[in-house]
């Protein structure tokens, strides 16, 4: 059976979807049969932080198109994405079907491991998986404006998203041997 990796970020519009298509392309070129998918999971801790700042979430939160900046970054690498691709919310079925689930944020990993105790051994944050502290997306959000522009900035600001995707791509490349080892 083909091993399956599931990448999770918050809105499934930038990091997780980039990982899905970037790694599918890399694995395919390397002849590795590994399925990759992505989804979004909005952790309660972040919901609470945003609520305190009266920062509304986009409506609908899921079933939105990929960030244009993410799509452009993938196209620049010669990676095509399906027409009409839409973000999706993480479901229990997705977790069950994955051999490995990798979150963008530690708070996502922690909450998912608590909610899905039977699946906790296959849930990792990218930082935890790589045993590193140098991942860009600050979990205290010190670089992200905590006001009404939060979502626009974090998903569509050219400078910020480019920096996030560059660091995310470097993290993914470094993580490939660890991911392959985890799937054994």
N, C-alpha and C. Protein backbone atom coordinates (compact mmCIF):
# COMPACT_ATOMS: atom_id res chain seq x y z
N UNK A 1 0.83 -1.18 0.00
CA UNK A 1 0.00 0.00 0.00
C UNK A 1 0.88 1.25 0.00
N UNK A 2 0.53 2.23 -0.80
CA UNK A 2 1.30 3.46 -0.91
C UNK A 2 1.24 4.26 0.38
N UNK A 3 2.40 4.62 0.95
CA UNK A 3 2.38 5.45 2.16
C UNK A 3 1.80 6.84 1.85
N UNK A 4 1.18 7.44 2.85
CA UNK A 4 0.48 8.71 2.66
C UNK A 4 0.90 9.72 3.72
N UNK A 5 1.35 10.90 3.25
CA UNK A 5 1.72 12.01 4.14
C UNK A 5 0.64 13.08 4.01
N UNK A 6 0.23 13.62 5.15
CA UNK A 6 -0.76 14.69 5.18
C UNK A 6 -0.12 15.92 5.83
N UNK A 7 -0.06 17.02 5.08
CA UNK A 7 0.47 18.27 5.61
C UNK A 7 -0.69 19.15 6.04
N UNK A 8 -0.51 19.82 7.20
CA UNK A 8 -1.57 20.64 7.76
C UNK A 8 -1.02 22.02 8.11
N UNK A 9 -1.67 23.05 7.59
CA UNK A 9 -1.43 24.41 8.06
C UNK A 9 -2.78 24.95 8.52
N UNK A 10 -2.91 26.23 8.68
CA UNK A 10 -4.16 26.76 9.23
C UNK A 10 -5.27 26.78 8.19
N UNK A 11 -5.06 27.49 7.11
CA UNK A 11 -6.13 27.68 6.14
C UNK A 11 -6.02 26.82 4.90
N UNK A 12 -4.95 26.03 4.78
CA UNK A 12 -4.72 25.16 3.61
C UNK A 12 -4.67 25.99 2.32
N UNK A 13 -4.02 27.16 2.43
CA UNK A 13 -3.91 28.02 1.26
C UNK A 13 -2.47 28.37 0.92
N UNK A 14 -1.51 28.17 1.86
CA UNK A 14 -0.13 28.57 1.62
C UNK A 14 0.80 27.39 1.88
N UNK A 15 1.15 27.11 3.13
CA UNK A 15 2.19 26.13 3.45
C UNK A 15 1.80 24.70 3.13
N UNK A 16 0.66 24.24 3.61
CA UNK A 16 0.34 22.82 3.43
C UNK A 16 0.11 22.46 1.97
N UNK A 17 -0.55 23.35 1.23
CA UNK A 17 -0.79 23.06 -0.18
C UNK A 17 0.51 23.15 -0.98
N UNK A 18 1.40 24.05 -0.59
CA UNK A 18 2.72 24.10 -1.23
C UNK A 18 3.43 22.77 -1.01
N UNK A 19 3.42 22.28 0.23
CA UNK A 19 4.06 21.00 0.55
C UNK A 19 3.46 19.86 -0.27
N UNK A 20 2.14 19.86 -0.39
CA UNK A 20 1.46 18.80 -1.14
C UNK A 20 1.99 18.71 -2.57
N UNK A 21 1.95 19.80 -3.29
CA UNK A 21 2.33 19.75 -4.70
C UNK A 21 3.84 19.72 -4.90
N UNK A 22 4.59 20.40 -4.05
CA UNK A 22 6.05 20.40 -4.15
C UNK A 22 6.61 19.00 -3.92
N UNK A 23 6.14 18.34 -2.85
CA UNK A 23 6.66 17.00 -2.56
C UNK A 23 6.12 15.94 -3.51
N UNK A 24 4.88 16.08 -3.96
CA UNK A 24 4.38 15.14 -4.99
C UNK A 24 5.30 15.20 -6.21
N UNK A 25 5.68 16.41 -6.60
CA UNK A 25 6.57 16.59 -7.74
C UNK A 25 7.94 15.97 -7.46
N UNK A 26 8.51 16.28 -6.31
CA UNK A 26 9.84 15.75 -5.96
C UNK A 26 9.83 14.22 -5.87
N UNK A 27 8.84 13.67 -5.18
CA UNK A 27 8.76 12.22 -5.05
C UNK A 27 8.57 11.57 -6.42
N UNK A 28 7.72 12.14 -7.24
CA UNK A 28 7.48 11.60 -8.58
C UNK A 28 8.74 11.59 -9.42
N UNK A 29 9.51 12.67 -9.38
CA UNK A 29 10.76 12.76 -10.14
C UNK A 29 11.80 11.78 -9.62
N UNK A 30 11.71 11.45 -8.33
CA UNK A 30 12.66 10.51 -7.71
C UNK A 30 12.20 9.06 -7.82
N UNK A 31 11.01 8.85 -8.37
CA UNK A 31 10.48 7.51 -8.50
C UNK A 31 9.95 6.92 -7.20
N UNK A 32 9.72 7.78 -6.21
CA UNK A 32 9.18 7.31 -4.93
C UNK A 32 7.66 7.33 -4.98
N UNK A 33 7.05 6.23 -4.60
CA UNK A 33 5.59 6.15 -4.56
C UNK A 33 5.12 6.51 -3.15
N UNK A 34 4.90 7.79 -2.96
CA UNK A 34 4.41 8.32 -1.69
C UNK A 34 3.30 9.30 -2.02
N UNK A 35 2.13 9.08 -1.46
CA UNK A 35 1.01 10.00 -1.66
C UNK A 35 1.14 11.18 -0.71
N UNK A 36 0.80 12.36 -1.19
CA UNK A 36 0.87 13.57 -0.38
C UNK A 36 -0.44 14.32 -0.53
N UNK A 37 -0.99 14.77 0.58
CA UNK A 37 -2.19 15.60 0.54
C UNK A 37 -2.05 16.70 1.58
N UNK A 38 -3.04 17.58 1.63
CA UNK A 38 -2.99 18.69 2.57
C UNK A 38 -4.38 19.05 3.05
N UNK A 39 -4.40 19.74 4.19
CA UNK A 39 -5.66 20.21 4.76
C UNK A 39 -5.35 21.34 5.73
N UNK A 40 -6.40 21.99 6.20
CA UNK A 40 -6.25 23.06 7.17
C UNK A 40 -6.85 22.68 8.51
N UNK A 41 -6.23 23.18 9.56
CA UNK A 41 -6.73 22.98 10.92
C UNK A 41 -6.45 24.26 11.70
N UNK A 42 -7.50 24.89 12.19
CA UNK A 42 -7.44 26.16 12.90
C UNK A 42 -7.43 25.85 14.40
N UNK A 43 -6.25 25.86 15.04
CA UNK A 43 -6.18 25.47 16.45
C UNK A 43 -6.89 26.46 17.37
N UNK A 44 -7.46 25.94 18.42
CA UNK A 44 -8.23 26.77 19.36
C UNK A 44 -7.37 27.86 19.96
N UNK A 45 -6.13 27.58 20.26
CA UNK A 45 -5.23 28.58 20.86
C UNK A 45 -5.12 29.81 19.96
N UNK A 46 -5.01 29.61 18.66
CA UNK A 46 -4.93 30.72 17.73
C UNK A 46 -6.29 31.41 17.61
N UNK A 47 -7.36 30.64 17.57
CA UNK A 47 -8.70 31.24 17.53
C UNK A 47 -8.88 32.19 18.71
N UNK A 48 -8.43 31.73 19.90
CA UNK A 48 -8.55 32.55 21.10
C UNK A 48 -7.72 33.82 21.00
N UNK A 49 -6.48 33.70 20.49
CA UNK A 49 -5.61 34.88 20.31
C UNK A 49 -6.26 35.89 19.38
N UNK A 50 -6.79 35.42 18.27
CA UNK A 50 -7.40 36.32 17.29
C UNK A 50 -8.69 36.93 17.84
N UNK A 51 -9.44 36.13 18.58
CA UNK A 51 -10.69 36.62 19.18
C UNK A 51 -10.41 37.76 20.15
N UNK A 52 -9.34 37.63 20.94
CA UNK A 52 -8.98 38.70 21.89
C UNK A 52 -8.67 40.00 21.15
N UNK A 53 -8.13 39.89 19.95
CA UNK A 53 -7.82 41.06 19.15
C UNK A 53 -8.96 41.49 18.24
N UNK A 54 -10.13 40.85 18.40
CA UNK A 54 -11.29 41.14 17.55
C UNK A 54 -10.95 41.00 16.06
N UNK A 55 -10.18 39.97 15.74
CA UNK A 55 -9.78 39.73 14.36
C UNK A 55 -10.69 38.66 13.77
N UNK A 56 -11.54 39.04 12.83
CA UNK A 56 -12.46 38.06 12.24
C UNK A 56 -11.75 37.13 11.27
N UNK A 57 -12.29 35.95 11.11
CA UNK A 57 -11.76 34.98 10.14
C UNK A 57 -12.50 35.15 8.82
N UNK A 58 -11.82 34.85 7.72
CA UNK A 58 -12.51 34.91 6.42
C UNK A 58 -13.70 33.95 6.42
N UNK A 59 -14.74 34.33 5.71
CA UNK A 59 -15.90 33.46 5.55
C UNK A 59 -16.14 33.22 4.07
N UNK A 60 -16.23 32.00 3.61
CA UNK A 60 -15.98 30.79 4.39
C UNK A 60 -14.48 30.65 4.66
N UNK A 61 -14.15 29.91 5.70
CA UNK A 61 -12.74 29.75 6.05
C UNK A 61 -12.07 28.73 5.14
N UNK A 62 -12.79 27.67 4.80
CA UNK A 62 -12.28 26.65 3.87
C UNK A 62 -13.07 26.72 2.58
N UNK A 63 -12.70 25.91 1.62
CA UNK A 63 -13.29 25.92 0.29
C UNK A 63 -12.98 27.22 -0.45
N UNK A 64 -11.74 27.71 -0.20
CA UNK A 64 -11.25 28.90 -0.89
C UNK A 64 -10.12 28.48 -1.83
N UNK A 65 -9.82 29.31 -2.83
CA UNK A 65 -8.73 28.97 -3.74
C UNK A 65 -7.37 29.08 -3.05
N UNK A 66 -6.39 28.43 -3.63
CA UNK A 66 -5.02 28.53 -3.17
C UNK A 66 -4.58 29.99 -3.25
N UNK A 67 -3.72 30.41 -2.33
CA UNK A 67 -3.16 31.75 -2.41
C UNK A 67 -2.49 31.93 -3.77
N UNK A 68 -2.74 33.06 -4.40
CA UNK A 68 -2.11 33.35 -5.70
C UNK A 68 -0.59 33.29 -5.60
N UNK A 69 -0.04 33.73 -4.48
CA UNK A 69 1.41 33.72 -4.29
C UNK A 69 1.95 32.30 -4.22
N UNK A 70 1.21 31.41 -3.60
CA UNK A 70 1.60 30.01 -3.53
C UNK A 70 1.53 29.38 -4.91
N UNK A 71 0.45 29.65 -5.63
CA UNK A 71 0.31 29.11 -6.98
C UNK A 71 1.44 29.60 -7.88
N UNK A 72 1.80 30.86 -7.77
CA UNK A 72 2.88 31.43 -8.56
C UNK A 72 4.22 30.78 -8.20
N UNK A 73 4.46 30.58 -6.91
CA UNK A 73 5.71 29.94 -6.47
C UNK A 73 5.82 28.52 -7.03
N UNK A 74 4.72 27.78 -7.06
CA UNK A 74 4.73 26.43 -7.61
C UNK A 74 4.95 26.47 -9.13
N UNK A 75 4.27 27.37 -9.79
CA UNK A 75 4.43 27.48 -11.26
C UNK A 75 5.86 27.83 -11.63
N UNK A 76 6.50 28.69 -10.85
CA UNK A 76 7.90 29.06 -11.11
C UNK A 76 8.82 27.85 -11.04
N UNK A 77 8.40 26.82 -10.34
CA UNK A 77 9.16 25.57 -10.24
C UNK A 77 8.71 24.56 -11.27
N UNK A 78 7.81 24.97 -12.15
CA UNK A 78 7.29 24.07 -13.18
C UNK A 78 6.24 23.10 -12.67
N UNK A 79 5.66 23.40 -11.52
CA UNK A 79 4.67 22.52 -10.91
C UNK A 79 3.28 23.10 -11.18
N UNK A 80 2.46 22.31 -11.82
CA UNK A 80 1.09 22.72 -12.13
C UNK A 80 0.14 22.22 -11.05
N UNK A 81 -0.88 23.00 -10.82
CA UNK A 81 -1.90 22.62 -9.84
C UNK A 81 -3.23 22.46 -10.57
N UNK A 82 -4.11 21.63 -10.03
CA UNK A 82 -5.40 21.40 -10.69
C UNK A 82 -6.25 22.67 -10.76
N UNK A 83 -6.92 22.84 -11.87
CA UNK A 83 -7.88 23.94 -12.01
C UNK A 83 -8.96 23.78 -10.94
N UNK A 84 -9.35 24.87 -10.36
CA UNK A 84 -10.45 24.82 -9.39
C UNK A 84 -10.09 24.23 -8.04
N UNK A 85 -8.79 24.07 -7.75
CA UNK A 85 -8.39 23.52 -6.45
C UNK A 85 -8.98 24.40 -5.35
N UNK A 86 -9.46 23.77 -4.26
CA UNK A 86 -10.05 24.50 -3.14
C UNK A 86 -9.47 23.96 -1.83
N UNK A 87 -9.32 24.85 -0.87
CA UNK A 87 -8.81 24.45 0.45
C UNK A 87 -9.83 23.54 1.14
N UNK A 88 -9.32 22.69 2.02
CA UNK A 88 -10.21 21.78 2.74
C UNK A 88 -9.85 21.73 4.22
N UNK A 89 -10.85 21.47 5.01
CA UNK A 89 -10.68 21.35 6.46
C UNK A 89 -10.28 19.92 6.81
N UNK A 90 -9.34 19.80 7.73
CA UNK A 90 -8.89 18.50 8.21
C UNK A 90 -10.08 17.73 8.80
N UNK A 91 -10.17 16.44 8.47
CA UNK A 91 -11.25 15.60 8.99
C UNK A 91 -10.65 14.39 9.71
N UNK A 92 -11.42 13.78 10.60
CA UNK A 92 -10.94 12.56 11.27
C UNK A 92 -10.56 11.48 10.26
N UNK A 93 -11.30 11.38 9.16
CA UNK A 93 -11.00 10.38 8.13
C UNK A 93 -9.63 10.62 7.50
N UNK A 94 -9.29 11.88 7.26
CA UNK A 94 -7.97 12.21 6.70
C UNK A 94 -6.86 11.78 7.65
N UNK A 95 -7.06 12.04 8.93
CA UNK A 95 -6.06 11.67 9.93
C UNK A 95 -5.89 10.15 9.96
N UNK A 96 -7.00 9.45 9.96
CA UNK A 96 -6.97 7.98 10.00
C UNK A 96 -6.23 7.41 8.80
N UNK A 97 -6.45 8.00 7.62
CA UNK A 97 -5.87 7.46 6.39
C UNK A 97 -4.41 7.83 6.16
N UNK A 98 -3.88 8.77 6.94
CA UNK A 98 -2.49 9.19 6.77
C UNK A 98 -1.56 8.29 7.56
N UNK A 99 -0.39 8.03 6.98
CA UNK A 99 0.66 7.33 7.71
C UNK A 99 1.49 8.30 8.54
N UNK A 100 1.52 9.55 8.09
CA UNK A 100 2.31 10.59 8.75
C UNK A 100 1.57 11.91 8.55
N UNK A 101 1.37 12.65 9.64
CA UNK A 101 0.72 13.96 9.58
C UNK A 101 1.72 14.98 10.09
N UNK A 102 2.00 16.01 9.28
CA UNK A 102 2.98 17.03 9.63
C UNK A 102 2.29 18.38 9.67
N UNK A 103 2.36 19.04 10.83
CA UNK A 103 1.73 20.35 10.99
C UNK A 103 2.75 21.46 10.82
N UNK A 104 2.26 22.63 10.42
CA UNK A 104 3.12 23.80 10.31
C UNK A 104 3.44 24.38 11.69
N UNK A 105 2.52 24.25 12.63
CA UNK A 105 2.67 24.85 13.95
C UNK A 105 2.64 23.81 15.06
N UNK A 106 3.42 24.05 16.09
CA UNK A 106 3.43 23.17 17.25
C UNK A 106 2.09 23.13 17.94
N UNK A 107 1.39 24.28 18.00
CA UNK A 107 0.08 24.30 18.66
C UNK A 107 -0.92 23.40 17.93
N UNK A 108 -0.78 23.26 16.62
CA UNK A 108 -1.66 22.35 15.87
C UNK A 108 -1.35 20.91 16.26
N UNK A 109 -0.07 20.58 16.28
CA UNK A 109 0.35 19.22 16.63
C UNK A 109 -0.17 18.87 18.03
N UNK A 110 0.03 19.78 18.97
CA UNK A 110 -0.38 19.52 20.36
C UNK A 110 -1.88 19.27 20.46
N UNK A 111 -2.68 20.12 19.83
CA UNK A 111 -4.13 19.97 19.91
C UNK A 111 -4.60 18.69 19.20
N UNK A 112 -4.03 18.41 18.04
CA UNK A 112 -4.42 17.20 17.31
C UNK A 112 -4.03 15.94 18.08
N UNK A 113 -2.85 15.94 18.70
CA UNK A 113 -2.41 14.78 19.48
C UNK A 113 -3.34 14.55 20.68
N UNK A 114 -3.84 15.62 21.28
CA UNK A 114 -4.80 15.49 22.40
C UNK A 114 -6.14 14.96 21.90
N UNK A 115 -6.61 15.48 20.78
CA UNK A 115 -7.92 15.08 20.23
C UNK A 115 -7.92 13.66 19.69
N UNK A 116 -6.82 13.26 19.10
CA UNK A 116 -6.73 11.96 18.42
C UNK A 116 -5.62 11.13 19.05
N UNK A 117 -5.82 10.76 20.31
CA UNK A 117 -4.80 10.04 21.07
C UNK A 117 -4.35 8.76 20.39
N UNK A 118 -5.27 8.05 19.74
CA UNK A 118 -4.90 6.80 19.06
C UNK A 118 -4.00 7.03 17.86
N UNK A 119 -3.95 8.26 17.35
CA UNK A 119 -3.16 8.59 16.16
C UNK A 119 -1.92 9.43 16.50
N UNK A 120 -1.72 9.74 17.76
CA UNK A 120 -0.68 10.70 18.17
C UNK A 120 0.73 10.33 17.73
N UNK A 121 1.03 9.04 17.58
CA UNK A 121 2.39 8.62 17.20
C UNK A 121 2.77 8.99 15.77
N UNK A 122 1.80 9.37 14.97
CA UNK A 122 2.11 9.73 13.59
C UNK A 122 1.93 11.23 13.33
N UNK A 123 1.71 12.01 14.39
CA UNK A 123 1.50 13.45 14.26
C UNK A 123 2.74 14.20 14.76
N UNK A 124 3.31 15.03 13.89
CA UNK A 124 4.51 15.79 14.21
C UNK A 124 4.36 17.22 13.70
N UNK A 125 4.96 18.17 14.39
CA UNK A 125 5.12 19.50 13.80
C UNK A 125 6.39 19.44 12.96
N UNK A 126 6.53 20.33 12.00
CA UNK A 126 7.73 20.33 11.16
C UNK A 126 8.97 20.56 12.02
N UNK A 127 8.88 21.44 13.03
CA UNK A 127 10.02 21.69 13.92
C UNK A 127 10.40 20.44 14.70
N UNK A 128 9.40 19.76 15.22
CA UNK A 128 9.64 18.55 16.00
C UNK A 128 10.24 17.45 15.13
N UNK A 129 9.69 17.27 13.96
CA UNK A 129 10.16 16.23 13.05
C UNK A 129 11.63 16.45 12.71
N UNK A 130 11.99 17.70 12.47
CA UNK A 130 13.35 18.03 12.07
C UNK A 130 14.27 18.32 13.24
N UNK A 131 13.71 18.37 14.45
CA UNK A 131 14.49 18.69 15.64
C UNK A 131 15.25 20.01 15.45
N UNK A 132 14.48 21.04 15.06
CA UNK A 132 15.06 22.35 14.78
C UNK A 132 14.20 23.44 15.38
N UNK A 133 14.79 24.59 15.56
CA UNK A 133 14.06 25.76 16.05
C UNK A 133 14.05 26.88 15.01
N UNK A 134 14.58 26.62 13.81
CA UNK A 134 14.76 27.71 12.86
C UNK A 134 13.61 27.90 11.88
N UNK A 135 12.47 27.28 12.11
CA UNK A 135 11.36 27.46 11.19
C UNK A 135 10.79 28.87 11.34
N UNK A 136 10.46 29.50 10.24
CA UNK A 136 10.12 30.91 10.18
C UNK A 136 8.81 31.30 10.85
N UNK A 137 7.77 30.52 10.72
CA UNK A 137 6.45 30.98 11.13
C UNK A 137 6.36 31.07 12.65
N UNK A 138 6.51 32.27 13.18
CA UNK A 138 6.58 32.50 14.61
C UNK A 138 5.24 32.19 15.27
N UNK A 139 5.26 31.29 16.23
CA UNK A 139 4.01 30.89 16.86
C UNK A 139 3.46 31.95 17.80
N UNK A 140 4.28 32.93 18.16
CA UNK A 140 3.73 34.03 18.95
C UNK A 140 3.27 35.17 18.03
N UNK A 141 3.43 34.99 16.73
CA UNK A 141 2.94 35.91 15.71
C UNK A 141 3.48 37.32 15.87
N UNK A 142 4.73 37.45 16.34
CA UNK A 142 5.31 38.78 16.56
C UNK A 142 5.51 39.55 15.26
N UNK A 143 5.63 38.88 14.14
CA UNK A 143 5.85 39.56 12.87
C UNK A 143 4.56 39.75 12.07
N UNK A 144 3.48 39.19 12.53
CA UNK A 144 2.21 39.27 11.82
C UNK A 144 1.34 40.31 12.51
N UNK A 145 0.74 41.24 11.75
CA UNK A 145 -0.11 42.25 12.39
C UNK A 145 -1.33 41.62 13.06
N UNK A 146 -1.51 41.92 14.31
CA UNK A 146 -2.65 41.39 15.05
C UNK A 146 -3.80 42.39 14.98
N UNK A 147 -4.28 42.57 13.74
CA UNK A 147 -5.41 43.46 13.51
C UNK A 147 -6.20 42.90 12.33
N UNK A 148 -7.10 43.68 11.80
CA UNK A 148 -7.99 43.19 10.73
C UNK A 148 -7.24 42.74 9.48
N UNK A 149 -5.98 43.16 9.32
CA UNK A 149 -5.21 42.76 8.13
C UNK A 149 -4.48 41.42 8.32
N UNK A 150 -4.69 40.76 9.45
CA UNK A 150 -3.98 39.50 9.75
C UNK A 150 -4.04 38.50 8.61
N UNK A 151 -5.24 38.16 8.13
CA UNK A 151 -5.38 37.11 7.11
C UNK A 151 -4.82 37.56 5.77
N UNK A 152 -5.07 38.80 5.40
CA UNK A 152 -4.54 39.32 4.14
C UNK A 152 -3.01 39.27 4.17
N UNK A 153 -2.43 39.70 5.28
CA UNK A 153 -0.97 39.71 5.42
C UNK A 153 -0.41 38.29 5.38
N UNK A 154 -0.98 37.39 6.18
CA UNK A 154 -0.41 36.05 6.33
C UNK A 154 -0.63 35.16 5.11
N UNK A 155 -1.59 35.51 4.24
CA UNK A 155 -1.86 34.68 3.06
C UNK A 155 -1.53 35.36 1.74
N UNK A 156 -1.44 36.70 1.72
CA UNK A 156 -1.28 37.40 0.43
C UNK A 156 -0.22 38.49 0.40
N UNK A 157 0.46 38.78 1.52
CA UNK A 157 1.51 39.78 1.48
C UNK A 157 2.72 39.21 0.74
N UNK A 158 3.12 39.81 -0.39
CA UNK A 158 4.18 39.22 -1.21
C UNK A 158 5.49 38.97 -0.47
N UNK A 159 5.93 39.93 0.32
CA UNK A 159 7.21 39.76 1.02
C UNK A 159 7.12 38.68 2.10
N UNK A 160 6.08 38.74 2.89
CA UNK A 160 5.92 37.77 3.98
C UNK A 160 5.73 36.34 3.44
N UNK A 161 4.81 36.17 2.49
CA UNK A 161 4.53 34.84 1.96
C UNK A 161 5.76 34.28 1.24
N UNK A 162 6.47 35.11 0.50
CA UNK A 162 7.69 34.63 -0.17
C UNK A 162 8.70 34.13 0.85
N UNK A 163 8.86 34.86 1.95
CA UNK A 163 9.79 34.45 3.00
C UNK A 163 9.34 33.14 3.65
N UNK A 164 8.05 33.04 3.92
CA UNK A 164 7.49 31.82 4.52
C UNK A 164 7.73 30.64 3.58
N UNK A 165 7.41 30.81 2.30
CA UNK A 165 7.54 29.69 1.35
C UNK A 165 9.01 29.31 1.12
N UNK A 166 9.91 30.27 1.09
CA UNK A 166 11.34 29.94 0.95
C UNK A 166 11.81 29.08 2.12
N UNK A 167 11.47 29.51 3.32
CA UNK A 167 11.89 28.76 4.51
C UNK A 167 11.18 27.42 4.58
N UNK A 168 9.90 27.39 4.23
CA UNK A 168 9.13 26.15 4.23
C UNK A 168 9.73 25.16 3.24
N UNK A 169 10.06 25.63 2.03
CA UNK A 169 10.67 24.76 1.01
C UNK A 169 11.99 24.19 1.52
N UNK A 170 12.83 25.03 2.12
CA UNK A 170 14.10 24.55 2.67
C UNK A 170 13.86 23.50 3.75
N UNK A 171 12.86 23.75 4.59
CA UNK A 171 12.52 22.78 5.64
C UNK A 171 12.05 21.47 5.04
N UNK A 172 11.23 21.54 4.01
CA UNK A 172 10.73 20.32 3.36
C UNK A 172 11.88 19.51 2.75
N UNK A 173 12.78 20.19 2.07
CA UNK A 173 13.91 19.50 1.45
C UNK A 173 14.75 18.79 2.52
N UNK A 174 15.03 19.51 3.62
CA UNK A 174 15.80 18.90 4.71
C UNK A 174 15.03 17.75 5.37
N UNK A 175 13.71 17.84 5.36
CA UNK A 175 12.88 16.83 6.04
C UNK A 175 12.68 15.56 5.23
N UNK A 176 12.95 15.58 3.94
CA UNK A 176 12.67 14.40 3.11
C UNK A 176 13.27 13.12 3.67
N UNK A 177 14.57 13.07 4.01
CA UNK A 177 15.10 11.81 4.55
C UNK A 177 14.41 11.39 5.86
N UNK A 178 14.06 12.36 6.68
CA UNK A 178 13.39 12.07 7.95
C UNK A 178 11.98 11.54 7.67
N UNK A 179 11.30 12.15 6.72
CA UNK A 179 9.95 11.71 6.34
C UNK A 179 10.00 10.28 5.82
N UNK A 180 10.94 10.00 4.94
CA UNK A 180 11.06 8.65 4.38
C UNK A 180 11.35 7.63 5.48
N UNK A 181 12.20 8.00 6.41
CA UNK A 181 12.52 7.12 7.54
C UNK A 181 11.27 6.88 8.41
N UNK A 182 10.49 7.93 8.65
CA UNK A 182 9.27 7.80 9.45
C UNK A 182 8.24 6.87 8.79
N UNK A 183 8.25 6.83 7.47
CA UNK A 183 7.27 6.02 6.74
C UNK A 183 7.65 4.54 6.73
N UNK A 184 8.87 4.21 7.13
CA UNK A 184 9.30 2.79 7.11
C UNK A 184 8.67 2.02 8.25
